[in-house]
Amino acid sequence: MEAGEGGSSGGHQGGHGPDRRYAMVLFRITSVFYMLWLPYIIYFLLESSHVLDSPALSFITTWLAISNSFCNCVIYSLSNSVFRLGMRRLSQTICSFSHCAADDRDFLEPKPRKRANSCSI
């Protein structure tokens, strides 16, 4: 058997292993972090040196920086199947709860619940 065929070649052909995926997620997280925090840092430096003073710009740059946390959630959910499954379950729970709260019939006539140990065919 020649080198590179089966056996002990590492099992990761073409560099598509977990390390590459982790590196790409880290690259995305870092890139988004710099894109969202850089305007805030630049504005803060300009405001500190009394070059620029705009409440609207301060508000926008602050919210851009804060939105980094939400973007991390989106990046992780698109990159990790386990995280994506957890987010799907959470959103289904929230949506089903908000649907029940919006429907007045559910408060007046509660639906019968199945017992935890019961089986249905």
C-alpha atoms as a PDB file:
ATOM      1  CA  MET A   1       0.000   0.000   0.000  1.00  0.00           C
ATOM      2  CA  GLU A   2       1.399   3.395  -0.966  1.00  0.00           C
ATOM      3  CA  ALA A   3       1.581   6.373   1.350  1.00  0.00           C
ATOM      4  CA  GLY A   4      -1.654   8.339   1.354  1.00  0.00           C
ATOM      5  CA  GLU A   5      -3.908   5.366   0.577  1.00  0.00           C
ATOM      6  CA  GLY A   6      -6.182   4.357   3.454  1.00  0.00           C
ATOM      7  CA  GLY A   7      -4.398   3.195   6.596  1.00  0.00           C
ATOM      8  CA  SER A   8      -2.700   5.867   8.663  1.00  0.00           C
ATOM      9  CA  SER A   9      -3.146   8.898   6.422  1.00  0.00           C
ATOM     10  CA  GLY A  10      -4.882  10.764   9.238  1.00  0.00           C
ATOM     11  CA  GLY A  11      -8.424  10.337   7.918  1.00  0.00           C
ATOM     12  CA  HIS A  12      -8.771  14.008   6.954  1.00  0.00           C
ATOM     13  CA  GLN A  13      -8.398  14.335   3.227  1.00  0.00           C
ATOM     14  CA  GLY A  14      -8.259  17.821   1.747  1.00  0.00           C
ATOM     15  CA  GLY A  15      -8.068  19.640   5.083  1.00  0.00           C
ATOM     16  CA  HIS A  16     -11.795  19.389   5.881  1.00  0.00           C
ATOM     17  CA  GLY A  17     -11.357  18.044   9.399  1.00  0.00           C
ATOM     18  CA  PRO A  18     -12.684  19.441  12.649  1.00  0.00           C
ATOM     19  CA  ASP A  19      -9.654  21.696  13.108  1.00  0.00           C
ATOM     20  CA  ARG A  20     -10.424  23.498   9.871  1.00  0.00           C
ATOM     21  CA  ARG A  21     -14.075  23.920  10.853  1.00  0.00           C
ATOM     22  CA  TYR A  22     -13.088  25.305  14.260  1.00  0.00           C
ATOM     23  CA  ALA A  23     -10.654  27.693  12.595  1.00  0.00           C
ATOM     24  CA  MET A  24     -13.360  28.936  10.225  1.00  0.00           C
ATOM     25  CA  VAL A  25     -15.803  29.525  13.103  1.00  0.00           C
ATOM     26  CA  LEU A  26     -13.095  31.378  15.017  1.00  0.00           C
ATOM     27  CA  PHE A  27     -12.319  33.452  11.909  1.00  0.00           C
ATOM     28  CA  ARG A  28     -15.997  34.374  11.487  1.00  0.00           C
ATOM     29  CA  ILE A  29     -16.424  35.263  15.172  1.00  0.00           C
ATOM     30  CA  THR A  30     -13.272  37.398  15.159  1.00  0.00           C
ATOM     31  CA  SER A  31     -14.126  39.145  11.879  1.00  0.00           C
ATOM     32  CA  VAL A  32     -17.629  40.054  13.024  1.00  0.00           C
ATOM     33  CA  PHE A  33     -16.226  41.239  16.356  1.00  0.00           C
ATOM     34  CA  TYR A  34     -13.838  43.661  14.645  1.00  0.00           C
ATOM     35  CA  MET A  35     -16.447  44.877  12.158  1.00  0.00           C
ATOM     36  CA  LEU A  36     -18.952  45.658  14.915  1.00  0.00           C
ATOM     37  CA  TRP A  37     -16.600  47.034  17.566  1.00  0.00           C
ATOM     38  CA  LEU A  38     -14.278  49.066  15.331  1.00  0.00           C
ATOM     39  CA  PRO A  39     -16.803  51.901  14.684  1.00  0.00           C
ATOM     40  CA  TYR A  40     -17.381  52.212  18.447  1.00  0.00           C
ATOM     41  CA  ILE A  41     -13.653  52.323  19.195  1.00  0.00           C
ATOM     42  CA  ILE A  42     -13.024  54.924  16.489  1.00  0.00           C
ATOM     43  CA  TYR A  43     -15.946  57.044  17.683  1.00  0.00           C
ATOM     44  CA  PHE A  44     -14.786  56.763  21.306  1.00  0.00           C
ATOM     45  CA  LEU A  45     -11.273  57.924  20.350  1.00  0.00           C
ATOM     46  CA  LEU A  46     -12.639  60.842  18.330  1.00  0.00           C
ATOM     47  CA  GLU A  47     -15.026  61.820  21.106  1.00  0.00           C
ATOM     48  CA  SER A  48     -12.282  61.594  23.739  1.00  0.00           C
ATOM     49  CA  SER A  49     -10.093  63.966  21.734  1.00  0.00           C
ATOM     50  CA  HIS A  50     -13.065  66.384  21.298  1.00  0.00           C
ATOM     51  CA  VAL A  51     -13.006  66.007  17.510  1.00  0.00           C
ATOM     52  CA  LEU A  52     -16.503  64.550  17.236  1.00  0.00           C
ATOM     53  CA  ASP A  53     -19.536  64.729  19.512  1.00  0.00           C
ATOM     54  CA  SER A  54     -22.748  63.270  18.116  1.00  0.00           C
ATOM     55  CA  PRO A  55     -25.329  61.594  20.366  1.00  0.00           C
ATOM     56  CA  ALA A  56     -26.901  59.815  17.383  1.00  0.00           C
ATOM     57  CA  LEU A  57     -23.551  58.431  16.230  1.00  0.00           C
ATOM     58  CA  SER A  58     -22.754  57.414  19.788  1.00  0.00           C
ATOM     59  CA  PHE A  59     -26.057  55.543  20.001  1.00  0.00           C
ATOM     60  CA  ILE A  60     -25.543  53.766  16.665  1.00  0.00           C
ATOM     61  CA  THR A  61     -21.946  52.722  17.342  1.00  0.00           C
ATOM     62  CA  THR A  62     -22.848  51.511  20.839  1.00  0.00           C
ATOM     63  CA  TRP A  63     -25.684  49.341  19.518  1.00  0.00           C
ATOM     64  CA  LEU A  64     -23.480  47.981  16.750  1.00  0.00           C
ATOM     65  CA  ALA A  65     -20.978  46.864  19.376  1.00  0.00           C
ATOM     66  CA  ILE A  66     -23.671  45.365  21.587  1.00  0.00           C
ATOM     67  CA  SER A  67     -25.168  43.491  18.619  1.00  0.00           C
ATOM     68  CA  ASN A  68     -21.964  41.447  18.466  1.00  0.00           C
ATOM     69  CA  SER A  69     -23.434  39.147  21.124  1.00  0.00           C
ATOM     70  CA  PHE A  70     -26.464  38.407  18.956  1.00  0.00           C
ATOM     71  CA  CYS A  71     -24.247  37.828  15.914  1.00  0.00           C
ATOM     72  CA  ASN A  72     -22.205  35.283  17.893  1.00  0.00           C
ATOM     73  CA  CYS A  73     -25.402  33.374  18.556  1.00  0.00           C
ATOM     74  CA  VAL A  74     -26.257  33.363  14.857  1.00  0.00           C
ATOM     75  CA  ILE A  75     -22.738  32.306  13.821  1.00  0.00           C
ATOM     76  CA  TYR A  76     -22.670  29.443  16.327  1.00  0.00           C
ATOM     77  CA  SER A  77     -26.139  28.289  15.311  1.00  0.00           C
ATOM     78  CA  LEU A  78     -25.135  28.154  11.657  1.00  0.00           C
ATOM     79  CA  SER A  79     -21.845  26.403  12.430  1.00  0.00           C
ATOM     80  CA  ASN A  80     -22.726  23.783  15.037  1.00  0.00           C
ATOM     81  CA  SER A  81     -25.415  21.162  14.502  1.00  0.00           C
ATOM     82  CA  VAL A  82     -25.876  20.513  18.245  1.00  0.00           C
ATOM     83  CA  PHE A  83     -26.295  24.220  18.962  1.00  0.00           C
ATOM     84  CA  ARG A  84     -28.648  24.513  15.963  1.00  0.00           C
ATOM     85  CA  LEU A  85     -30.790  21.685  17.362  1.00  0.00           C
ATOM     86  CA  GLY A  86     -30.928  23.372  20.780  1.00  0.00           C
ATOM     87  CA  MET A  87     -31.946  26.691  19.231  1.00  0.00           C
ATOM     88  CA  ARG A  88     -34.632  24.953  17.165  1.00  0.00           C
ATOM     89  CA  ARG A  89     -36.060  23.316  20.296  1.00  0.00           C
ATOM     90  CA  LEU A  90     -35.962  26.609  22.198  1.00  0.00           C
ATOM     91  CA  SER A  91     -37.692  28.519  19.409  1.00  0.00           C
ATOM     92  CA  GLN A  92     -40.365  25.820  19.095  1.00  0.00           C
ATOM     93  CA  THR A  93     -40.999  26.050  22.832  1.00  0.00           C
ATOM     94  CA  ILE A  94     -41.232  29.846  22.724  1.00  0.00           C
ATOM     95  CA  CYS A  95     -43.435  29.812  19.632  1.00  0.00           C
ATOM     96  CA  SER A  96     -45.799  27.222  21.078  1.00  0.00           C
ATOM     97  CA  PHE A  97     -46.013  29.201  24.332  1.00  0.00           C
ATOM     98  CA  SER A  98     -46.722  32.487  22.537  1.00  0.00           C
ATOM     99  CA  HIS A  99     -49.301  30.741  20.331  1.00  0.00           C
ATOM    100  CA  CYS A 100     -51.096  29.432  23.422  1.00  0.00           C
ATOM    101  CA  ALA A 101     -50.977  32.855  25.080  1.00  0.00           C
ATOM    102  CA  ALA A 102     -52.427  34.545  21.992  1.00  0.00           C
ATOM    103  CA  ASP A 103     -55.306  32.092  21.677  1.00  0.00           C
ATOM    104  CA  ASP A 104     -58.021  32.862  24.294  1.00  0.00           C
ATOM    105  CA  ARG A 105     -59.638  29.439  23.871  1.00  0.00           C
ATOM    106  CA  ASP A 106     -56.585  27.772  25.371  1.00  0.00           C
ATOM    107  CA  PHE A 107     -57.067  29.687  28.603  1.00  0.00           C
ATOM    108  CA  LEU A 108     -60.776  28.963  28.787  1.00  0.00           C
ATOM    109  CA  GLU A 109     -60.632  25.324  27.679  1.00  0.00           C
ATOM    110  CA  PRO A 110     -57.278  23.736  28.488  1.00  0.00           C
ATOM    111  CA  LYS A 111     -56.252  20.841  26.276  1.00  0.00           C
ATOM    112  CA  PRO A 112     -55.983  17.422  27.927  1.00  0.00           C
ATOM    113  CA  ARG A 113     -52.393  16.361  28.516  1.00  0.00           C
ATOM    114  CA  LYS A 114     -50.945  12.921  27.986  1.00  0.00           C
ATOM    115  CA  ARG A 115     -49.327  11.236  30.914  1.00  0.00           C
ATOM    116  CA  ALA A 116     -45.551  11.020  30.694  1.00  0.00           C
ATOM    117  CA  ASN A 117     -45.545   7.210  30.768  1.00  0.00           C
ATOM    118  CA  SER A 118     -48.434   6.656  28.369  1.00  0.00           C
ATOM    119  CA  CYS A 119     -47.938   5.277  24.866  1.00  0.00           C
ATOM    120  CA  SER A 120     -49.869   6.259  21.792  1.00  0.00           C
ATOM    121  CA  ILE A 121     -50.240   4.267  18.620  1.00  0.00           C
END
